[in-house]
N, C-alpha and C. Protein backbone atom coordinates (compact mmCIF):
# COMPACT_ATOMS: atom_id res chain seq x y z
N MET A 1 184.08 81.23 46.04
CA MET A 1 185.38 80.86 45.54
C MET A 1 186.15 80.16 46.66
N HIS A 2 186.94 79.17 46.27
CA HIS A 2 187.73 78.39 47.24
C HIS A 2 188.85 79.28 47.79
N SER A 3 189.15 79.14 49.03
CA SER A 3 190.26 79.83 49.65
C SER A 3 191.54 79.10 49.39
N PRO A 4 192.50 79.75 48.68
CA PRO A 4 193.76 79.07 48.34
C PRO A 4 194.57 78.68 49.51
N SER A 5 194.23 79.04 50.73
CA SER A 5 195.02 78.65 51.88
C SER A 5 194.41 77.55 52.68
N SER A 6 193.36 76.89 52.21
CA SER A 6 192.74 75.80 52.92
C SER A 6 192.07 74.85 51.94
N PRO A 7 191.79 73.63 52.23
CA PRO A 7 192.08 72.94 53.48
C PRO A 7 193.44 72.30 53.47
N THR A 8 194.16 72.32 52.35
CA THR A 8 195.42 71.58 52.26
C THR A 8 196.63 72.37 52.58
N GLY A 9 196.51 73.64 52.89
CA GLY A 9 197.65 74.48 53.22
C GLY A 9 197.78 75.62 52.25
N PRO A 10 198.74 76.49 52.52
CA PRO A 10 198.90 77.69 51.61
C PRO A 10 199.34 77.32 50.23
N LEU A 11 198.90 78.12 49.29
CA LEU A 11 199.22 77.94 47.89
C LEU A 11 200.33 78.91 47.50
N LEU A 12 201.42 78.36 46.91
CA LEU A 12 202.52 79.11 46.42
C LEU A 12 202.54 79.01 44.88
N VAL A 13 202.62 80.13 44.18
CA VAL A 13 202.71 80.16 42.78
C VAL A 13 203.94 80.99 42.42
N ALA A 14 204.95 80.31 41.88
CA ALA A 14 206.20 81.01 41.52
C ALA A 14 206.45 80.92 40.04
N CYS A 15 206.70 82.06 39.44
CA CYS A 15 207.04 82.13 38.04
C CYS A 15 208.58 82.27 37.91
N LEU A 16 209.22 81.36 37.23
CA LEU A 16 210.66 81.36 37.04
C LEU A 16 210.97 81.93 35.65
N CYS A 17 211.53 83.10 35.66
CA CYS A 17 211.81 83.82 34.39
C CYS A 17 213.18 84.44 34.42
N ALA A 18 213.46 85.23 33.38
CA ALA A 18 214.73 85.96 33.28
C ALA A 18 214.45 87.35 32.71
N ALA A 19 215.17 88.32 33.24
CA ALA A 19 214.99 89.72 32.84
C ALA A 19 215.22 89.92 31.35
N TRP A 20 216.12 89.17 30.76
CA TRP A 20 216.45 89.34 29.37
C TRP A 20 215.41 88.73 28.44
N CYS A 21 214.46 87.97 28.99
CA CYS A 21 213.47 87.26 28.15
C CYS A 21 212.28 88.18 27.84
N GLY A 22 212.09 88.42 26.54
CA GLY A 22 210.97 89.27 26.14
C GLY A 22 209.62 88.68 26.50
N SER A 23 209.45 87.36 26.41
CA SER A 23 208.19 86.76 26.77
C SER A 23 207.91 86.94 28.23
N CYS A 24 208.94 86.87 29.08
CA CYS A 24 208.76 87.06 30.54
C CYS A 24 208.36 88.50 30.78
N ARG A 25 208.97 89.47 30.16
CA ARG A 25 208.62 90.88 30.38
C ARG A 25 207.17 91.11 29.99
N GLU A 26 206.74 90.53 28.89
CA GLU A 26 205.34 90.69 28.44
C GLU A 26 204.36 89.93 29.40
N TYR A 27 204.80 88.85 29.99
CA TYR A 27 203.96 88.02 30.84
C TYR A 27 203.81 88.61 32.26
N ARG A 28 204.69 89.42 32.69
CA ARG A 28 204.71 89.93 34.09
C ARG A 28 203.38 90.60 34.45
N PRO A 29 202.82 91.51 33.65
CA PRO A 29 201.53 92.11 34.01
C PRO A 29 200.39 91.07 34.14
N THR A 30 200.41 90.07 33.30
CA THR A 30 199.43 88.98 33.39
C THR A 30 199.57 88.26 34.69
N PHE A 31 200.79 87.88 35.03
CA PHE A 31 201.08 87.18 36.30
C PHE A 31 200.57 88.02 37.48
N ASP A 32 200.91 89.30 37.46
CA ASP A 32 200.51 90.20 38.54
C ASP A 32 198.96 90.35 38.63
N SER A 33 198.26 90.32 37.49
CA SER A 33 196.83 90.41 37.53
C SER A 33 196.18 89.14 38.11
N VAL A 34 196.80 88.00 37.82
CA VAL A 34 196.25 86.77 38.42
C VAL A 34 196.58 86.72 39.92
N GLU A 35 197.69 87.26 40.34
CA GLU A 35 197.99 87.37 41.76
C GLU A 35 196.91 88.15 42.47
N ALA A 36 196.44 89.24 41.86
CA ALA A 36 195.37 90.03 42.46
C ALA A 36 194.06 89.28 42.61
N ALA A 37 193.84 88.27 41.71
CA ALA A 37 192.63 87.50 41.72
C ALA A 37 192.66 86.38 42.80
N PHE A 38 193.84 86.09 43.33
CA PHE A 38 194.00 85.02 44.34
C PHE A 38 194.78 85.66 45.53
N PRO A 39 194.14 86.61 46.28
CA PRO A 39 194.88 87.33 47.31
C PRO A 39 195.38 86.48 48.47
N GLU A 40 194.80 85.31 48.71
CA GLU A 40 195.25 84.48 49.81
C GLU A 40 196.43 83.57 49.46
N ALA A 41 196.80 83.52 48.14
CA ALA A 41 197.93 82.76 47.71
C ALA A 41 199.19 83.60 47.72
N THR A 42 200.32 82.96 47.79
CA THR A 42 201.62 83.67 47.70
C THR A 42 202.14 83.52 46.30
N PHE A 43 202.35 84.61 45.64
CA PHE A 43 202.89 84.65 44.28
C PHE A 43 204.29 85.20 44.36
N ARG A 44 205.20 84.56 43.63
CA ARG A 44 206.60 85.01 43.62
C ARG A 44 207.07 85.08 42.17
N TRP A 45 207.70 86.16 41.80
CA TRP A 45 208.36 86.31 40.48
C TRP A 45 209.82 86.13 40.77
N ILE A 46 210.41 85.07 40.18
CA ILE A 46 211.80 84.76 40.43
C ILE A 46 212.61 84.92 39.17
N ASP A 47 213.60 85.81 39.19
CA ASP A 47 214.53 85.92 38.09
C ASP A 47 215.59 84.84 38.36
N ILE A 48 215.65 83.84 37.48
CA ILE A 48 216.50 82.71 37.73
C ILE A 48 218.03 83.06 37.71
N GLU A 49 218.36 84.19 37.18
CA GLU A 49 219.79 84.60 37.21
C GLU A 49 220.06 85.43 38.45
N ASP A 50 219.21 86.39 38.79
CA ASP A 50 219.40 87.21 39.97
C ASP A 50 219.20 86.46 41.25
N GLU A 51 218.33 85.43 41.22
CA GLU A 51 218.06 84.66 42.44
C GLU A 51 218.37 83.17 42.20
N SER A 52 219.51 82.92 41.56
CA SER A 52 219.93 81.57 41.24
C SER A 52 220.05 80.70 42.51
N ASP A 53 220.37 81.30 43.63
CA ASP A 53 220.51 80.53 44.87
C ASP A 53 219.18 79.88 45.26
N LEU A 54 218.06 80.50 44.89
CA LEU A 54 216.76 79.94 45.21
C LEU A 54 216.37 78.77 44.32
N VAL A 55 216.78 78.79 43.07
CA VAL A 55 216.32 77.77 42.15
C VAL A 55 217.37 76.66 41.86
N ASP A 56 218.57 76.85 42.30
CA ASP A 56 219.56 75.84 42.07
C ASP A 56 219.19 74.56 42.81
N PRO A 57 219.21 73.39 42.20
CA PRO A 57 219.82 73.03 40.96
C PRO A 57 218.90 72.82 39.80
N LEU A 58 217.74 73.46 39.83
CA LEU A 58 216.80 73.28 38.74
C LEU A 58 217.29 73.95 37.45
N ASP A 59 217.07 73.31 36.37
CA ASP A 59 217.39 73.84 35.04
C ASP A 59 216.07 74.38 34.41
N VAL A 60 216.04 75.66 34.20
CA VAL A 60 214.89 76.25 33.54
C VAL A 60 215.27 76.54 32.12
N GLU A 61 214.65 75.80 31.19
CA GLU A 61 215.01 75.92 29.80
C GLU A 61 213.98 76.68 28.98
N ASN A 62 212.76 76.75 29.46
CA ASN A 62 211.67 77.39 28.72
C ASN A 62 210.98 78.44 29.61
N PHE A 63 210.63 79.54 29.00
CA PHE A 63 210.02 80.62 29.76
C PHE A 63 208.62 80.89 29.24
N PRO A 64 207.66 81.24 30.13
CA PRO A 64 207.77 81.16 31.58
C PRO A 64 207.65 79.71 32.08
N THR A 65 208.32 79.43 33.19
CA THR A 65 208.18 78.14 33.87
C THR A 65 207.52 78.44 35.17
N LEU A 66 206.54 77.61 35.51
CA LEU A 66 205.77 77.85 36.74
C LEU A 66 206.02 76.72 37.74
N LEU A 67 206.04 77.10 39.03
CA LEU A 67 206.15 76.16 40.10
C LEU A 67 204.98 76.42 41.07
N ILE A 68 204.15 75.42 41.31
CA ILE A 68 203.04 75.56 42.20
C ILE A 68 203.22 74.57 43.34
N ALA A 69 203.05 75.03 44.59
CA ALA A 69 203.12 74.15 45.75
C ALA A 69 201.91 74.43 46.60
N VAL A 70 201.36 73.36 47.20
CA VAL A 70 200.24 73.45 48.11
C VAL A 70 200.73 72.83 49.44
N GLY A 71 200.60 73.61 50.49
CA GLY A 71 201.03 73.11 51.80
C GLY A 71 202.49 72.70 51.83
N GLY A 72 203.33 73.41 51.05
CA GLY A 72 204.75 73.09 51.02
C GLY A 72 205.13 71.93 50.14
N MET A 73 204.13 71.34 49.45
CA MET A 73 204.40 70.20 48.56
C MET A 73 204.24 70.65 47.11
N PRO A 74 205.32 70.49 46.27
CA PRO A 74 205.20 70.89 44.89
C PRO A 74 204.20 70.00 44.14
N VAL A 75 203.28 70.66 43.44
CA VAL A 75 202.27 69.89 42.69
C VAL A 75 202.33 70.16 41.16
N PHE A 76 203.08 71.18 40.77
CA PHE A 76 203.23 71.47 39.34
C PHE A 76 204.59 72.18 39.13
N TYR A 77 205.32 71.71 38.16
CA TYR A 77 206.55 72.39 37.76
C TYR A 77 206.75 72.13 36.28
N GLY A 78 206.74 73.26 35.52
CA GLY A 78 206.96 73.14 34.09
C GLY A 78 206.59 74.41 33.35
N PRO A 79 206.94 74.47 32.06
CA PRO A 79 206.63 75.63 31.26
C PRO A 79 205.16 75.71 30.95
N LEU A 80 204.66 76.89 30.73
CA LEU A 80 203.27 77.03 30.32
C LEU A 80 203.15 78.12 29.30
N THR A 81 202.07 78.09 28.52
CA THR A 81 201.83 79.17 27.58
C THR A 81 201.50 80.45 28.35
N PRO A 82 202.05 81.57 27.89
CA PRO A 82 201.88 82.82 28.67
C PRO A 82 200.52 83.48 28.41
N HIS A 83 199.45 82.81 28.80
CA HIS A 83 198.13 83.33 28.67
C HIS A 83 197.46 83.37 30.04
N ARG A 84 196.73 84.42 30.29
CA ARG A 84 196.05 84.63 31.57
C ARG A 84 195.13 83.42 31.91
N GLU A 85 194.35 83.00 30.96
CA GLU A 85 193.38 81.91 31.21
C GLU A 85 194.08 80.62 31.58
N THR A 86 195.21 80.33 30.98
CA THR A 86 196.00 79.16 31.32
C THR A 86 196.43 79.22 32.75
N LEU A 87 196.97 80.36 33.20
CA LEU A 87 197.48 80.48 34.55
C LEU A 87 196.31 80.45 35.54
N VAL A 88 195.22 81.09 35.26
CA VAL A 88 194.07 81.08 36.16
C VAL A 88 193.56 79.64 36.33
N ARG A 89 193.39 78.93 35.22
CA ARG A 89 192.92 77.55 35.30
C ARG A 89 193.85 76.67 36.10
N LEU A 90 195.14 76.81 35.91
CA LEU A 90 196.14 76.00 36.64
C LEU A 90 196.14 76.30 38.12
N VAL A 91 196.10 77.61 38.48
CA VAL A 91 196.05 77.96 39.89
C VAL A 91 194.76 77.47 40.50
N ARG A 92 193.63 77.70 39.89
CA ARG A 92 192.37 77.25 40.41
C ARG A 92 192.31 75.73 40.57
N THR A 93 192.81 75.00 39.63
CA THR A 93 192.82 73.56 39.73
C THR A 93 193.58 73.10 40.96
N HIS A 94 194.74 73.67 41.21
CA HIS A 94 195.55 73.24 42.37
C HIS A 94 194.99 73.83 43.66
N ALA A 95 194.39 74.99 43.62
CA ALA A 95 193.79 75.57 44.85
C ALA A 95 192.58 74.74 45.26
N ASP A 96 191.87 74.17 44.32
CA ASP A 96 190.65 73.43 44.61
C ASP A 96 190.87 71.93 44.84
N ALA A 97 192.08 71.40 44.53
CA ALA A 97 192.35 69.99 44.68
C ALA A 97 192.25 69.58 46.15
N PRO A 98 191.47 68.60 46.51
CA PRO A 98 191.26 68.18 47.87
C PRO A 98 192.57 67.68 48.50
N VAL A 99 193.28 66.78 47.82
CA VAL A 99 194.58 66.29 48.31
C VAL A 99 195.50 66.25 47.13
N PRO A 100 196.35 67.28 47.03
CA PRO A 100 197.22 67.31 45.86
C PRO A 100 198.25 66.22 45.86
N ALA A 101 198.58 65.68 44.70
CA ALA A 101 199.63 64.71 44.59
C ALA A 101 200.95 65.46 44.37
N ALA A 102 201.89 65.25 45.27
CA ALA A 102 203.18 65.94 45.22
C ALA A 102 204.02 65.41 44.08
N LEU A 103 204.83 66.26 43.51
CA LEU A 103 205.82 65.86 42.47
C LEU A 103 206.92 65.05 43.16
N PRO A 104 207.48 64.05 42.45
CA PRO A 104 208.51 63.22 43.07
C PRO A 104 209.90 63.81 43.09
N SER A 105 210.12 64.90 42.46
CA SER A 105 211.51 65.45 42.34
C SER A 105 212.00 66.07 43.66
N PRO A 106 213.06 65.55 44.26
CA PRO A 106 213.65 66.11 45.50
C PRO A 106 214.17 67.52 45.24
N ASP A 107 214.71 67.81 44.03
CA ASP A 107 215.18 69.13 43.74
C ASP A 107 214.07 70.19 43.79
N VAL A 108 212.94 69.82 43.24
CA VAL A 108 211.80 70.76 43.26
C VAL A 108 211.32 70.98 44.72
N HIS A 109 211.33 69.92 45.50
CA HIS A 109 210.98 70.04 46.93
C HIS A 109 211.91 70.99 47.63
N ARG A 110 213.17 70.88 47.36
CA ARG A 110 214.15 71.81 48.05
C ARG A 110 213.93 73.25 47.66
N VAL A 111 213.64 73.48 46.36
CA VAL A 111 213.36 74.86 45.92
C VAL A 111 212.10 75.41 46.59
N VAL A 112 211.08 74.59 46.68
CA VAL A 112 209.84 75.05 47.38
C VAL A 112 210.13 75.41 48.81
N GLN A 113 210.91 74.62 49.50
CA GLN A 113 211.25 74.92 50.92
C GLN A 113 212.02 76.25 51.01
N ARG A 114 212.94 76.51 50.08
CA ARG A 114 213.69 77.79 50.10
C ARG A 114 212.76 78.94 49.81
N LEU A 115 211.81 78.77 48.87
CA LEU A 115 210.87 79.85 48.53
C LEU A 115 209.95 80.19 49.69
N LEU A 116 209.62 79.16 50.50
CA LEU A 116 208.71 79.41 51.60
C LEU A 116 209.41 79.90 52.87
N ALA A 117 210.74 79.79 52.89
CA ALA A 117 211.50 80.18 54.09
C ALA A 117 211.56 81.70 54.25
């Protein structure tokens, strides 16, 4: 299995959710189980209301929303279906990408830098 911390840098997987969201509450155990499958990656569960300073100015309209960064560069930002296989496939795809293409959004870049600080 590929090491999520090489060769392009550490892998960050952040789930942006809200405590009041039933889908998020149901998805949390799935997210945690995928975290256990990728021990060299950094997984963060971010409540967008409790930790609004971390995600400002991003607007999260659908839950769960995932943010993936490789080597400090955001490579995925968007909602996803709350299924384990979907998350595993997405994490594996970005962990195995030789040179990830960064997203062009400066707001997403700023959020990644705050999450990694």
